Amino acid sequence: QVQLVESGGGLVQPGGSLRLSCVASGSIFRGYILGWYRQAPGKQRDMVATITPRGSTEYADSVKGRFTISRDNIQNTMFLQMNSLKPEDTAVYYCNARPPLSVYWGRGTQVTVSS
């Protein structure tokens, strides 16, 4: 079993920055595809960014150039650096991990971008 815990969310002004963290316990995830997803009220959960075990990344068009995903396999931690935040980035952000035979989700962390 893998447990994922997100942190780092909060309230920021437009143009501000946040750094989200996802810490995994129960298994070392260096071989997993990892990702960040977000869900705004009344909306579907959408992919924000993913990172492969070898470090290849993929970003949603809406965040490309502003967000950076990274991972530290020794610490079993994944990060999302979020710069130039916009009100439309407001959502609950979820950590996702994909081992070979299952999918795991964290409980989410709230990000609110507002003046």
PDB file of N, CA and C in Angstrom:
ATOM      1  N   GLN A   1       0.827  -1.190   0.000  1.00  0.00           N
ATOM      2  CA  GLN A   1       0.000   0.000   0.000  1.00  0.00           C
ATOM      3  C   GLN A   1       0.869   1.252   0.000  1.00  0.00           C
ATOM      4  N   VAL A   2       0.377   2.283  -0.665  1.00  0.00           N
ATOM      5  CA  VAL A   2       1.046   3.567  -0.730  1.00  0.00           C
ATOM      6  C   VAL A   2       0.097   4.623  -0.185  1.00  0.00           C
ATOM      7  N   GLN A   3       0.589   5.429   0.732  1.00  0.00           N
ATOM      8  CA  GLN A   3      -0.156   6.568   1.235  1.00  0.00           C
ATOM      9  C   GLN A   3       0.518   7.847   0.754  1.00  0.00           C
ATOM     10  N   LEU A   4      -0.272   8.779   0.240  1.00  0.00           N
ATOM     11  CA  LEU A   4       0.226  10.030  -0.302  1.00  0.00           C
ATOM     12  C   LEU A   4      -0.367  11.193   0.481  1.00  0.00           C
ATOM     13  N   VAL A   5       0.463  12.141   0.858  1.00  0.00           N
ATOM     14  CA  VAL A   5       0.021  13.303   1.615  1.00  0.00           C
ATOM     15  C   VAL A   5       0.553  14.556   0.944  1.00  0.00           C
ATOM     16  N   GLU A   6      -0.367  15.417   0.500  1.00  0.00           N
ATOM     17  CA  GLU A   6       0.004  16.687  -0.116  1.00  0.00           C
ATOM     18  C   GLU A   6       0.097  17.782   0.939  1.00  0.00           C
ATOM     19  N   SER A   7       0.920  18.779   0.657  1.00  0.00           N
ATOM     20  CA  SER A   7       1.015  19.955   1.507  1.00  0.00           C
ATOM     21  C   SER A   7       1.500  21.128   0.670  1.00  0.00           C
ATOM     22  N   GLY A   8       1.397  22.323   1.222  1.00  0.00           N
ATOM     23  CA  GLY A   8       1.915  23.513   0.570  1.00  0.00           C
ATOM     24  C   GLY A   8       0.871  24.415  -0.040  1.00  0.00           C
ATOM     25  N   GLY A   9      -0.381  24.008  -0.032  1.00  0.00           N
ATOM     26  CA  GLY A   9      -1.425  24.856  -0.565  1.00  0.00           C
ATOM     27  C   GLY A   9      -1.702  26.039   0.339  1.00  0.00           C
ATOM     28  N   GLY A  10      -2.490  26.971  -0.178  1.00  0.00           N
ATOM     29  CA  GLY A  10      -2.836  28.145   0.593  1.00  0.00           C
ATOM     30  C   GLY A  10      -3.456  29.212  -0.272  1.00  0.00           C
ATOM     31  N   LEU A  11      -3.561  30.403   0.284  1.00  0.00           N
ATOM     32  CA  LEU A  11      -4.124  31.558  -0.398  1.00  0.00           C
ATOM     33  C   LEU A  11      -3.000  32.470  -0.855  1.00  0.00           C
ATOM     34  N   VAL A  12      -2.973  32.771  -2.146  1.00  0.00           N
ATOM     35  CA  VAL A  12      -1.960  33.661  -2.707  1.00  0.00           C
ATOM     36  C   VAL A  12      -2.616  34.646  -3.654  1.00  0.00           C
ATOM     37  N   GLN A  13      -1.952  35.769  -3.876  1.00  0.00           N
ATOM     38  CA  GLN A  13      -2.432  36.761  -4.822  1.00  0.00           C
ATOM     39  C   GLN A  13      -2.047  36.379  -6.249  1.00  0.00           C
ATOM     40  N   PRO A  14      -2.799  36.845  -7.237  1.00  0.00           N
ATOM     41  CA  PRO A  14      -2.393  36.611  -8.618  1.00  0.00           C
ATOM     42  C   PRO A  14      -0.951  37.062  -8.854  1.00  0.00           C
ATOM     43  N   GLY A  15      -0.209  36.235  -9.577  1.00  0.00           N
ATOM     44  CA  GLY A  15       1.198  36.500  -9.812  1.00  0.00           C
ATOM     45  C   GLY A  15       2.123  35.908  -8.776  1.00  0.00           C
ATOM     46  N   GLY A  16       1.572  35.393  -7.699  1.00  0.00           N
ATOM     47  CA  GLY A  16       2.371  34.804  -6.647  1.00  0.00           C
ATOM     48  C   GLY A  16       2.800  33.385  -6.955  1.00  0.00           C
ATOM     49  N   SER A  17       3.486  32.776  -5.992  1.00  0.00           N
ATOM     50  CA  SER A  17       4.038  31.437  -6.159  1.00  0.00           C
ATOM     51  C   SER A  17       3.708  30.557  -4.968  1.00  0.00           C
ATOM     52  N   LEU A  18       3.618  29.262  -5.226  1.00  0.00           N
ATOM     53  CA  LEU A  18       3.486  28.245  -4.200  1.00  0.00           C
ATOM     54  C   LEU A  18       4.301  27.036  -4.619  1.00  0.00           C
ATOM     55  N   ARG A  19       4.749  26.273  -3.640  1.00  0.00           N
ATOM     56  CA  ARG A  19       5.441  25.018  -3.895  1.00  0.00           C
ATOM     57  C   ARG A  19       4.695  23.904  -3.163  1.00  0.00           C
ATOM     58  N   LEU A  20       4.099  23.003  -3.916  1.00  0.00           N
ATOM     59  CA  LEU A  20       3.381  21.877  -3.354  1.00  0.00           C
ATOM     60  C   LEU A  20       4.314  20.687  -3.191  1.00  0.00           C
ATOM     61  N   SER A  21       4.075  19.912  -2.140  1.00  0.00           N
ATOM     62  CA  SER A  21       4.842  18.705  -1.889  1.00  0.00           C
ATOM     63  C   SER A  21       3.894  17.525  -1.731  1.00  0.00           C
ATOM     64  N   CYS A  22       4.361  16.364  -2.120  1.00  0.00           N
ATOM     65  CA  CYS A  22       3.638  15.110  -1.938  1.00  0.00           C
ATOM     66  C   CYS A  22       4.618  14.096  -1.379  1.00  0.00           C
ATOM     67  N   VAL A  23       4.344  13.619  -0.181  1.00  0.00           N
ATOM     68  CA  VAL A  23       5.210  12.653   0.481  1.00  0.00           C
ATOM     69  C   VAL A  23       4.523  11.295   0.488  1.00  0.00           C
ATOM     70  N   ALA A  24       5.235  10.277   0.066  1.00  0.00           N
ATOM     71  CA  ALA A  24       4.705   8.924   0.010  1.00  0.00           C
ATOM     72  C   ALA A  24       5.272   8.082   1.134  1.00  0.00           C
ATOM     73  N   SER A  25       4.436   7.202   1.672  1.00  0.00           N
ATOM     74  CA  SER A  25       4.869   6.220   2.650  1.00  0.00           C
ATOM     75  C   SER A  25       4.326   4.858   2.258  1.00  0.00           C
ATOM     76  N   GLY A  26       4.961   3.804   2.750  1.00  0.00           N
ATOM     77  CA  GLY A  26       4.515   2.451   2.467  1.00  0.00           C
ATOM     78  C   GLY A  26       5.247   1.776   1.317  1.00  0.00           C
ATOM     79  N   SER A  27       5.854   2.562   0.454  1.00  0.00           N
ATOM     80  CA  SER A  27       6.583   2.024  -0.683  1.00  0.00           C
ATOM     81  C   SER A  27       7.484   3.101  -1.250  1.00  0.00           C
ATOM     82  N   ILE A  28       8.600   2.702  -1.804  1.00  0.00           N
ATOM     83  CA  ILE A  28       9.480   3.623  -2.507  1.00  0.00           C
ATOM     84  C   ILE A  28       9.008   3.728  -3.946  1.00  0.00           C
ATOM     85  N   PHE A  29       8.770   4.967  -4.412  1.00  0.00           N
ATOM     86  CA  PHE A  29       8.125   5.129  -5.712  1.00  0.00           C
ATOM     87  C   PHE A  29       9.061   5.537  -6.838  1.00  0.00           C
ATOM     88  N   ARG A  30      10.338   5.221  -6.748  1.00  0.00           N
ATOM     89  CA  ARG A  30      11.245   5.620  -7.816  1.00  0.00           C
ATOM     90  C   ARG A  30      10.869   5.021  -9.160  1.00  0.00           C
ATOM     91  N   GLY A  31      10.157   3.904  -9.186  1.00  0.00           N
ATOM     92  CA  GLY A  31       9.736   3.281 -10.422  1.00  0.00           C
ATOM     93  C   GLY A  31       8.350   3.669 -10.887  1.00  0.00           C
ATOM     94  N   TYR A  32       7.693   4.585 -10.193  1.00  0.00           N
ATOM     95  CA  TYR A  32       6.325   4.957 -10.519  1.00  0.00           C
ATOM     96  C   TYR A  32       6.261   6.180 -11.404  1.00  0.00           C
ATOM     97  N   ILE A  33       5.259   6.233 -12.265  1.00  0.00           N
ATOM     98  CA  ILE A  33       4.870   7.492 -12.880  1.00  0.00           C
ATOM     99  C   ILE A  33       4.120   8.307 -11.826  1.00  0.00           C
ATOM    100  N   LEU A  34       4.484   9.561 -11.685  1.00  0.00           N
ATOM    101  CA  LEU A  34       3.878  10.447 -10.696  1.00  0.00           C
ATOM    102  C   LEU A  34       3.212  11.619 -11.401  1.00  0.00           C
ATOM    103  N   GLY A  35       2.241  12.221 -10.724  1.00  0.00           N
ATOM    104  CA  GLY A  35       1.587  13.354 -11.334  1.00  0.00           C
ATOM    105  C   GLY A  35       0.827  14.204 -10.347  1.00  0.00           C
ATOM    106  N   TRP A  36       0.545  15.415 -10.788  1.00  0.00           N
ATOM    107  CA  TRP A  36      -0.327  16.336 -10.084  1.00  0.00           C
ATOM    108  C   TRP A  36      -1.574  16.557 -10.921  1.00  0.00           C
ATOM    109  N   TYR A  37      -2.722  16.501 -10.268  1.00  0.00           N
ATOM    110  CA  TYR A  37      -4.006  16.769 -10.877  1.00  0.00           C
ATOM    111  C   TYR A  37      -4.724  17.819 -10.047  1.00  0.00           C
ATOM    112  N   ARG A  38      -5.692  18.488 -10.647  1.00  0.00           N
ATOM    113  CA  ARG A  38      -6.445  19.480  -9.901  1.00  0.00           C
ATOM    114  C   ARG A  38      -7.913  19.424 -10.270  1.00  0.00           C
ATOM    115  N   GLN A  39      -8.737  19.846  -9.326  1.00  0.00           N
ATOM    116  CA  GLN A  39     -10.176  19.842  -9.513  1.00  0.00           C
ATOM    117  C   GLN A  39     -10.773  21.082  -8.861  1.00  0.00           C
ATOM    118  N   ALA A  40     -11.408  21.902  -9.672  1.00  0.00           N
ATOM    119  CA  ALA A  40     -12.126  23.067  -9.183  1.00  0.00           C
ATOM    120  C   ALA A  40     -13.571  22.675  -8.886  1.00  0.00           C
ATOM    121  N   PRO A  41     -14.270  23.444  -8.043  1.00  0.00           N
ATOM    122  CA  PRO A  41     -15.666  23.116  -7.729  1.00  0.00           C
ATOM    123  C   PRO A  41     -16.516  23.002  -8.987  1.00  0.00           C
ATOM    124  N   GLY A  42     -17.261  21.910  -9.097  1.00  0.00           N
ATOM    125  CA  GLY A  42     -18.127  21.692 -10.240  1.00  0.00           C
ATOM    126  C   GLY A  42     -17.421  21.281 -11.510  1.00  0.00           C
ATOM    127  N   LYS A  43     -16.111  21.042 -11.449  1.00  0.00           N
ATOM    128  CA  LYS A  43     -15.339  20.688 -12.627  1.00  0.00           C
ATOM    129  C   LYS A  43     -14.756  19.286 -12.489  1.00  0.00           C
ATOM    130  N   GLN A  44     -14.314  18.732 -13.602  1.00  0.00           N
ATOM    131  CA  GLN A  44     -13.656  17.432 -13.591  1.00  0.00           C
ATOM    132  C   GLN A  44     -12.235  17.572 -13.082  1.00  0.00           C
ATOM    133  N   ARG A  45     -11.659  16.449 -12.682  1.00  0.00           N
ATOM    134  CA  ARG A  45     -10.273  16.427 -12.259  1.00  0.00           C
ATOM    135  C   ARG A  45      -9.376  16.312 -13.488  1.00  0.00           C
ATOM    136  N   ASP A  46      -8.477  17.263 -13.659  1.00  0.00           N
ATOM    137  CA  ASP A  46      -7.636  17.341 -14.844  1.00  0.00           C
ATOM    138  C   ASP A  46      -6.169  17.184 -14.492  1.00  0.00           C
ATOM    139  N   MET A  47      -5.419  16.642 -15.437  1.00  0.00           N
ATOM    140  CA  MET A  47      -3.983  16.507 -15.275  1.00  0.00           C
ATOM    141  C   MET A  47      -3.321  17.876 -15.329  1.00  0.00           C
ATOM    142  N   VAL A  48      -2.401  18.104 -14.416  1.00  0.00           N
ATOM    143  CA  VAL A  48      -1.597  19.318 -14.401  1.00  0.00           C
ATOM    144  C   VAL A  48      -0.201  19.034 -14.930  1.00  0.00           C
ATOM    145  N   ALA A  49       0.439  18.001 -14.389  1.00  0.00           N
ATOM    146  CA  ALA A  49       1.796  17.652 -14.781  1.00  0.00           C
ATOM    147  C   ALA A  49       2.077  16.220 -14.383  1.00  0.00           C
ATOM    148  N   THR A  50       2.912  15.537 -15.165  1.00  0.00           N
ATOM    149  CA  THR A  50       3.350  14.189 -14.836  1.00  0.00           C
ATOM    150  C   THR A  50       4.853  14.098 -15.006  1.00  0.00           C
ATOM    151  N   ILE A  51       5.442  13.111 -14.339  1.00  0.00           N
ATOM    152  CA  ILE A  51       6.874  12.881 -14.442  1.00  0.00           C
ATOM    153  C   ILE A  51       7.127  11.381 -14.387  1.00  0.00           C
ATOM    154  N   THR A  52       7.935  10.886 -15.311  1.00  0.00           N
ATOM    155  CA  THR A  52       8.248   9.472 -15.389  1.00  0.00           C
ATOM    156  C   THR A  52       9.393   9.134 -14.447  1.00  0.00           C
ATOM    157  N   PRO A  53       9.649   7.833 -14.232  1.00  0.00           N
ATOM    158  CA  PRO A  53      10.790   7.456 -13.380  1.00  0.00           C
ATOM    159  C   PRO A  53      12.113   8.026 -13.853  1.00  0.00           C
ATOM    160  N   ARG A  54      12.258   8.263 -15.152  1.00  0.00           N
ATOM    161  CA  ARG A  54      13.510   8.797 -15.670  1.00  0.00           C
ATOM    162  C   ARG A  54      13.513  10.312 -15.804  1.00  0.00           C
ATOM    163  N   GLY A  55      12.441  10.960 -15.361  1.00  0.00           N
ATOM    164  CA  GLY A  55      12.424  12.405 -15.309  1.00  0.00           C
ATOM    165  C   GLY A  55      11.768  13.111 -16.471  1.00  0.00           C
ATOM    166  N   SER A  56      11.210  12.391 -17.419  1.00  0.00           N
ATOM    167  CA  SER A  56      10.494  13.040 -18.509  1.00  0.00           C
ATOM    168  C   SER A  56       9.203  13.648 -17.978  1.00  0.00           C
ATOM    169  N   THR A  57       8.887  14.856 -18.408  1.00  0.00           N
ATOM    170  CA  THR A  57       7.737  15.578 -17.878  1.00  0.00           C
ATOM    171  C   THR A  57       6.735  15.914 -18.963  1.00  0.00           C
ATOM    172  N   GLU A  58       5.508  16.103 -18.535  1.00  0.00           N
ATOM    173  CA  GLU A  58       4.424  16.521 -19.405  1.00  0.00           C
ATOM    174  C   GLU A  58       3.552  17.499 -18.627  1.00  0.00           C
ATOM    175  N   TYR A  59       3.104  18.563 -19.288  1.00  0.00           N
ATOM    176  CA  TYR A  59       2.324  19.599 -18.636  1.00  0.00           C
ATOM    177  C   TYR A  59       1.059  19.897 -19.415  1.00  0.00           C
ATOM    178  N   ALA A  60       0.021  20.254 -18.678  1.00  0.00           N
ATOM    179  CA  ALA A  60      -1.161  20.792 -19.319  1.00  0.00           C
ATOM    180  C   ALA A  60      -0.812  22.114 -19.985  1.00  0.00           C
ATOM    181  N   ASP A  61      -1.445  22.386 -21.117  1.00  0.00           N
ATOM    182  CA  ASP A  61      -1.156  23.625 -21.835  1.00  0.00           C
ATOM    183  C   ASP A  61      -1.378  24.859 -20.964  1.00  0.00           C
ATOM    184  N   SER A  62      -2.337  24.789 -20.059  1.00  0.00           N
ATOM    185  CA  SER A  62      -2.686  25.939 -19.247  1.00  0.00           C
ATOM    186  C   SER A  62      -1.618  26.312 -18.226  1.00  0.00           C
ATOM    187  N   VAL A  63      -0.699  25.391 -17.919  1.00  0.00           N
ATOM    188  CA  VAL A  63       0.314  25.663 -16.902  1.00  0.00           C
ATOM    189  C   VAL A  63       1.728  25.625 -17.454  1.00  0.00           C
ATOM    190  N   LYS A  64       1.901  25.224 -18.690  1.00  0.00           N
ATOM    191  CA  LYS A  64       3.236  25.095 -19.264  1.00  0.00           C
ATOM    192  C   LYS A  64       3.957  26.439 -19.238  1.00  0.00           C
ATOM    193  N   GLY A  65       5.196  26.413 -18.781  1.00  0.00           N
ATOM    194  CA  GLY A  65       5.978  27.628 -18.649  1.00  0.00           C
ATOM    195  C   GLY A  65       5.845  28.305 -17.310  1.00  0.00           C
ATOM    196  N   ARG A  66       4.853  27.912 -16.514  1.00  0.00           N
ATOM    197  CA  ARG A  66       4.647  28.499 -15.196  1.00  0.00           C
ATOM    198  C   ARG A  66       4.885  27.506 -14.067  1.00  0.00           C
ATOM    199  N   PHE A  67       4.571  26.230 -14.299  1.00  0.00           N
ATOM    200  CA  PHE A  67       4.698  25.195 -13.279  1.00  0.00           C
ATOM    201  C   PHE A  67       5.853  24.267 -13.626  1.00  0.00           C
ATOM    202  N   THR A  68       6.492  23.718 -12.599  1.00  0.00           N
ATOM    203  CA  THR A  68       7.564  22.751 -12.780  1.00  0.00           C
ATOM    204  C   THR A  68       7.366  21.587 -11.822  1.00  0.00           C
ATOM    205  N   ILE A  69       7.317  20.375 -12.359  1.00  0.00           N
ATOM    206  CA  ILE A  69       7.197  19.177 -11.543  1.00  0.00           C
ATOM    207  C   ILE A  69       8.577  18.558 -11.364  1.00  0.00           C
ATOM    208  N   SER A  70       8.835  18.027 -10.182  1.00  0.00           N
ATOM    209  CA  SER A  70      10.105  17.375  -9.904  1.00  0.00           C
ATOM    210  C   SER A  70       9.885  16.268  -8.883  1.00  0.00           C
ATOM    211  N   ARG A  71      10.899  15.409  -8.718  1.00  0.00           N
ATOM    212  CA  ARG A  71      10.783  14.310  -7.771  1.00  0.00           C
ATOM    213  C   ARG A  71      12.114  14.055  -7.101  1.00  0.00           C
ATOM    214  N   ASP A  72      12.043  13.577  -5.865  1.00  0.00           N
ATOM    215  CA  ASP A  72      13.202  13.171  -5.089  1.00  0.00           C
ATOM    216  C   ASP A  72      12.931  11.742  -4.642  1.00  0.00           C
ATOM    217  N   ASN A  73      13.507  10.783  -5.341  1.00  0.00           N
ATOM    218  CA  ASN A  73      13.206   9.385  -5.062  1.00  0.00           C
ATOM    219  C   ASN A  73      13.786   8.904  -3.739  1.00  0.00           C
ATOM    220  N   ILE A  74      14.885   9.508  -3.298  1.00  0.00           N
ATOM    221  CA  ILE A  74      15.461   9.128  -2.019  1.00  0.00           C
ATOM    222  C   ILE A  74      14.519   9.491  -0.880  1.00  0.00           C
ATOM    223  N   GLN A  75      13.895  10.662  -0.978  1.00  0.00           N
ATOM    224  CA  GLN A  75      12.966  11.127   0.048  1.00  0.00           C
ATOM    225  C   GLN A  75      11.520  10.726  -0.221  1.00  0.00           C
ATOM    226  N   ASN A  76      11.267  10.025  -1.324  1.00  0.00           N
ATOM    227  CA  ASN A  76       9.904   9.628  -1.686  1.00  0.00           C
ATOM    228  C   ASN A  76       8.969  10.829  -1.730  1.00  0.00           C
ATOM    229  N   THR A  77       9.424  11.880  -2.379  1.00  0.00           N
ATOM    230  CA  THR A  77       8.689  13.133  -2.408  1.00  0.00           C
ATOM    231  C   THR A  77       8.615  13.673  -3.829  1.00  0.00           C
ATOM    232  N   MET A  78       7.482  14.264  -4.156  1.00  0.00           N
ATOM    233  CA  MET A  78       7.286  14.933  -5.430  1.00  0.00           C
ATOM    234  C   MET A  78       6.888  16.378  -5.160  1.00  0.00           C
ATOM    235  N   PHE A  79       7.266  17.270  -6.064  1.00  0.00           N
ATOM    236  CA  PHE A  79       7.016  18.688  -5.885  1.00  0.00           C
ATOM    237  C   PHE A  79       6.339  19.274  -7.118  1.00  0.00           C
ATOM    238  N   LEU A  80       5.630  20.361  -6.896  1.00  0.00           N
ATOM    239  CA  LEU A  80       5.101  21.170  -7.975  1.00  0.00           C
ATOM    240  C   LEU A  80       5.372  22.628  -7.637  1.00  0.00           C
ATOM    241  N   GLN A  81       6.317  23.229  -8.346  1.00  0.00           N
ATOM    242  CA  GLN A  81       6.594  24.647  -8.196  1.00  0.00           C
ATOM    243  C   GLN A  81       5.646  25.412  -9.094  1.00  0.00           C
ATOM    244  N   MET A  82       4.862  26.302  -8.509  1.00  0.00           N
ATOM    245  CA  MET A  82       3.819  27.028  -9.214  1.00  0.00           C
ATOM    246  C   MET A  82       4.142  28.514  -9.166  1.00  0.00           C
ATOM    247  N   ASN A  83       4.455  29.088 -10.320  1.00  0.00           N
ATOM    248  CA  ASN A  83       4.777  30.501 -10.434  1.00  0.00           C
ATOM    249  C   ASN A  83       3.733  31.215 -11.283  1.00  0.00           C
ATOM    250  N   SER A  84       3.711  32.530 -11.159  1.00  0.00           N
ATOM    251  CA  SER A  84       2.793  33.360 -11.941  1.00  0.00           C
ATOM    252  C   SER A  84       1.362  32.846 -11.849  1.00  0.00           C
ATOM    253  N   LEU A  85       0.926  32.593 -10.647  1.00  0.00           N
ATOM    254  CA  LEU A  85      -0.384  31.988 -10.431  1.00  0.00           C
ATOM    255  C   LEU A  85      -1.509  32.915 -10.875  1.00  0.00           C
ATOM    256  N   LYS A  86      -2.546  32.299 -11.411  1.00  0.00           N
ATOM    257  CA  LYS A  86      -3.713  32.998 -11.913  1.00  0.00           C
ATOM    258  C   LYS A  86      -4.950  32.546 -11.144  1.00  0.00           C
ATOM    259  N   PRO A  87      -5.999  33.370 -11.102  1.00  0.00           N
ATOM    260  CA  PRO A  87      -7.224  32.946 -10.419  1.00  0.00           C
ATOM    261  C   PRO A  87      -7.767  31.619 -10.943  1.00  0.00           C
ATOM    262  N   GLU A  88      -7.603  31.335 -12.229  1.00  0.00           N
ATOM    263  CA  GLU A  88      -8.093  30.083 -12.781  1.00  0.00           C
ATOM    264  C   GLU A  88      -7.297  28.866 -12.328  1.00  0.00           C
ATOM    265  N   ASP A  89      -6.186  29.074 -11.626  1.00  0.00           N
ATOM    266  CA  ASP A  89      -5.454  27.967 -11.025  1.00  0.00           C
ATOM    267  C   ASP A  89      -6.080  27.503  -9.712  1.00  0.00           C
ATOM    268  N   THR A  90      -7.062  28.228  -9.214  1.00  0.00           N
ATOM    269  CA  THR A  90      -7.714  27.862  -7.965  1.00  0.00           C
ATOM    270  C   THR A  90      -8.361  26.486  -8.091  1.00  0.00           C
ATOM    271  N   ALA A  91      -8.000  25.578  -7.189  1.00  0.00           N
ATOM    272  CA  ALA A  91      -8.500  24.207  -7.229  1.00  0.00           C
ATOM    273  C   ALA A  91      -7.918  23.441  -6.055  1.00  0.00           C
ATOM    274  N   VAL A  92      -8.424  22.237  -5.857  1.00  0.00           N
ATOM    275  CA  VAL A  92      -7.771  21.280  -4.981  1.00  0.00           C
ATOM    276  C   VAL A  92      -6.779  20.503  -5.829  1.00  0.00           C
ATOM    277  N   TYR A  93      -5.544  20.441  -5.374  1.00  0.00           N
ATOM    278  CA  TYR A  93      -4.479  19.766  -6.104  1.00  0.00           C
ATOM    279  C   TYR A  93      -4.197  18.414  -5.463  1.00  0.00           C
ATOM    280  N   TYR A  94      -4.165  17.381  -6.294  1.00  0.00           N
ATOM    281  CA  TYR A  94      -4.025  16.009  -5.833  1.00  0.00           C
ATOM    282  C   TYR A  94      -2.742  15.389  -6.353  1.00  0.00           C
ATOM    283  N   CYS A  95      -2.085  14.651  -5.491  1.00  0.00           N
ATOM    284  CA  CYS A  95      -0.925  13.852  -5.849  1.00  0.00           C
ATOM    285  C   CYS A  95      -1.385  12.496  -6.358  1.00  0.00           C
ATOM    286  N   ASN A  96      -0.748  12.012  -7.410  1.00  0.00           N
ATOM    287  CA  ASN A  96      -1.097  10.740  -8.021  1.00  0.00           C
ATOM    288  C   ASN A  96       0.158   9.904  -8.231  1.00  0.00           C
ATOM    289  N   ALA A  97       0.065   8.617  -7.920  1.00  0.00           N
ATOM    290  CA  ALA A  97       1.168   7.688  -8.136  1.00  0.00           C
ATOM    291  C   ALA A  97       0.642   6.436  -8.803  1.00  0.00           C
ATOM    292  N   ARG A  98       1.401   5.942  -9.784  1.00  0.00           N
ATOM    293  CA  ARG A  98       0.967   4.786 -10.585  1.00  0.00           C
ATOM    294  C   ARG A  98       2.015   3.682 -10.561  1.00  0.00           C
ATOM    295  N   PRO A  99       1.951   2.806  -9.555  1.00  0.00           N
ATOM    296  CA  PRO A  99       2.754   1.583  -9.615  1.00  0.00           C
ATOM    297  C   PRO A  99       2.174   0.649 -10.670  1.00  0.00           C
ATOM    298  N   PRO A 100       2.862  -0.451 -10.975  1.00  0.00           N
ATOM    299  CA  PRO A 100       2.414  -1.298 -12.092  1.00  0.00           C
ATOM    300  C   PRO A 100       0.987  -1.814 -11.995  1.00  0.00           C
ATOM    301  N   LEU A 101       0.497  -2.142 -10.800  1.00  0.00           N
ATOM    302  CA  LEU A 101      -0.794  -2.811 -10.675  1.00  0.00           C
ATOM    303  C   LEU A 101      -1.855  -1.991  -9.961  1.00  0.00           C
ATOM    304  N   SER A 102      -1.621  -0.713  -9.709  1.00  0.00           N
ATOM    305  CA  SER A 102      -2.598   0.076  -8.981  1.00  0.00           C
ATOM    306  C   SER A 102      -2.382   1.561  -9.209  1.00  0.00           C
ATOM    307  N   VAL A 103      -3.326   2.359  -8.701  1.00  0.00           N
ATOM    308  CA  VAL A 103      -3.259   3.813  -8.771  1.00  0.00           C
ATOM    309  C   VAL A 103      -3.577   4.363  -7.388  1.00  0.00           C
ATOM    310  N   TYR A 104      -2.808   5.335  -6.938  1.00  0.00           N
ATOM    311  CA  TYR A 104      -3.008   5.930  -5.624  1.00  0.00           C
ATOM    312  C   TYR A 104      -3.207   7.428  -5.744  1.00  0.00           C
ATOM    313  N   TRP A 105      -4.045   7.953  -4.857  1.00  0.00           N
ATOM    314  CA  TRP A 105      -4.342   9.383  -4.785  1.00  0.00           C
ATOM    315  C   TRP A 105      -4.152   9.892  -3.369  1.00  0.00           C
ATOM    316  N   GLY A 106      -3.664  11.119  -3.255  1.00  0.00           N
ATOM    317  CA  GLY A 106      -3.681  11.797  -1.980  1.00  0.00           C
ATOM    318  C   GLY A 106      -5.036  12.420  -1.714  1.00  0.00           C
ATOM    319  N   ARG A 107      -5.175  13.038  -0.551  1.00  0.00           N
ATOM    320  CA  ARG A 107      -6.434  13.663  -0.168  1.00  0.00           C
ATOM    321  C   ARG A 107      -6.607  15.056  -0.760  1.00  0.00           C
ATOM    322  N   GLY A 108      -5.552  15.671  -1.218  1.00  0.00           N
ATOM    323  CA  GLY A 108      -5.618  16.966  -1.860  1.00  0.00           C
ATOM    324  C   GLY A 108      -5.214  18.110  -0.950  1.00  0.00           C
ATOM    325  N   THR A 109      -4.763  19.198  -1.566  1.00  0.00           N
ATOM    326  CA  THR A 109      -4.446  20.429  -0.861  1.00  0.00           C
ATOM    327  C   THR A 109      -5.041  21.599  -1.640  1.00  0.00           C
ATOM    328  N   GLN A 110      -5.679  22.509  -0.928  1.00  0.00           N
ATOM    329  CA  GLN A 110      -6.392  23.615  -1.561  1.00  0.00           C
ATOM    330  C   GLN A 110      -5.431  24.726  -1.961  1.00  0.00           C
ATOM    331  N   VAL A 111      -5.553  25.171  -3.202  1.00  0.00           N
ATOM    332  CA  VAL A 111      -4.837  26.340  -3.701  1.00  0.00           C
ATOM    333  C   VAL A 111      -5.877  27.373  -4.121  1.00  0.00           C
ATOM    334  N   THR A 112      -5.799  28.553  -3.539  1.00  0.00           N
ATOM    335  CA  THR A 112      -6.716  29.637  -3.873  1.00  0.00           C
ATOM    336  C   THR A 112      -5.909  30.847  -4.310  1.00  0.00           C
ATOM    337  N   VAL A 113      -6.187  31.342  -5.505  1.00  0.00           N
ATOM    338  CA  VAL A 113      -5.494  32.499  -6.060  1.00  0.00           C
ATOM    339  C   VAL A 113      -6.503  33.632  -6.172  1.00  0.00           C
ATOM    340  N   SER A 114      -6.336  34.644  -5.335  1.00  0.00           N
ATOM    341  CA  SER A 114      -7.309  35.726  -5.277  1.00  0.00           C
ATOM    342  C   SER A 114      -6.672  36.957  -4.658  1.00  0.00           C
ATOM    343  N   SER A 115      -7.139  38.128  -5.076  1.00  0.00           N
ATOM    344  CA  SER A 115      -6.658  39.374  -4.512  1.00  0.00           C
ATOM    345  C   SER A 115      -7.279  39.612  -3.139  1.00  0.00           C
TER     346      SER A 115
END
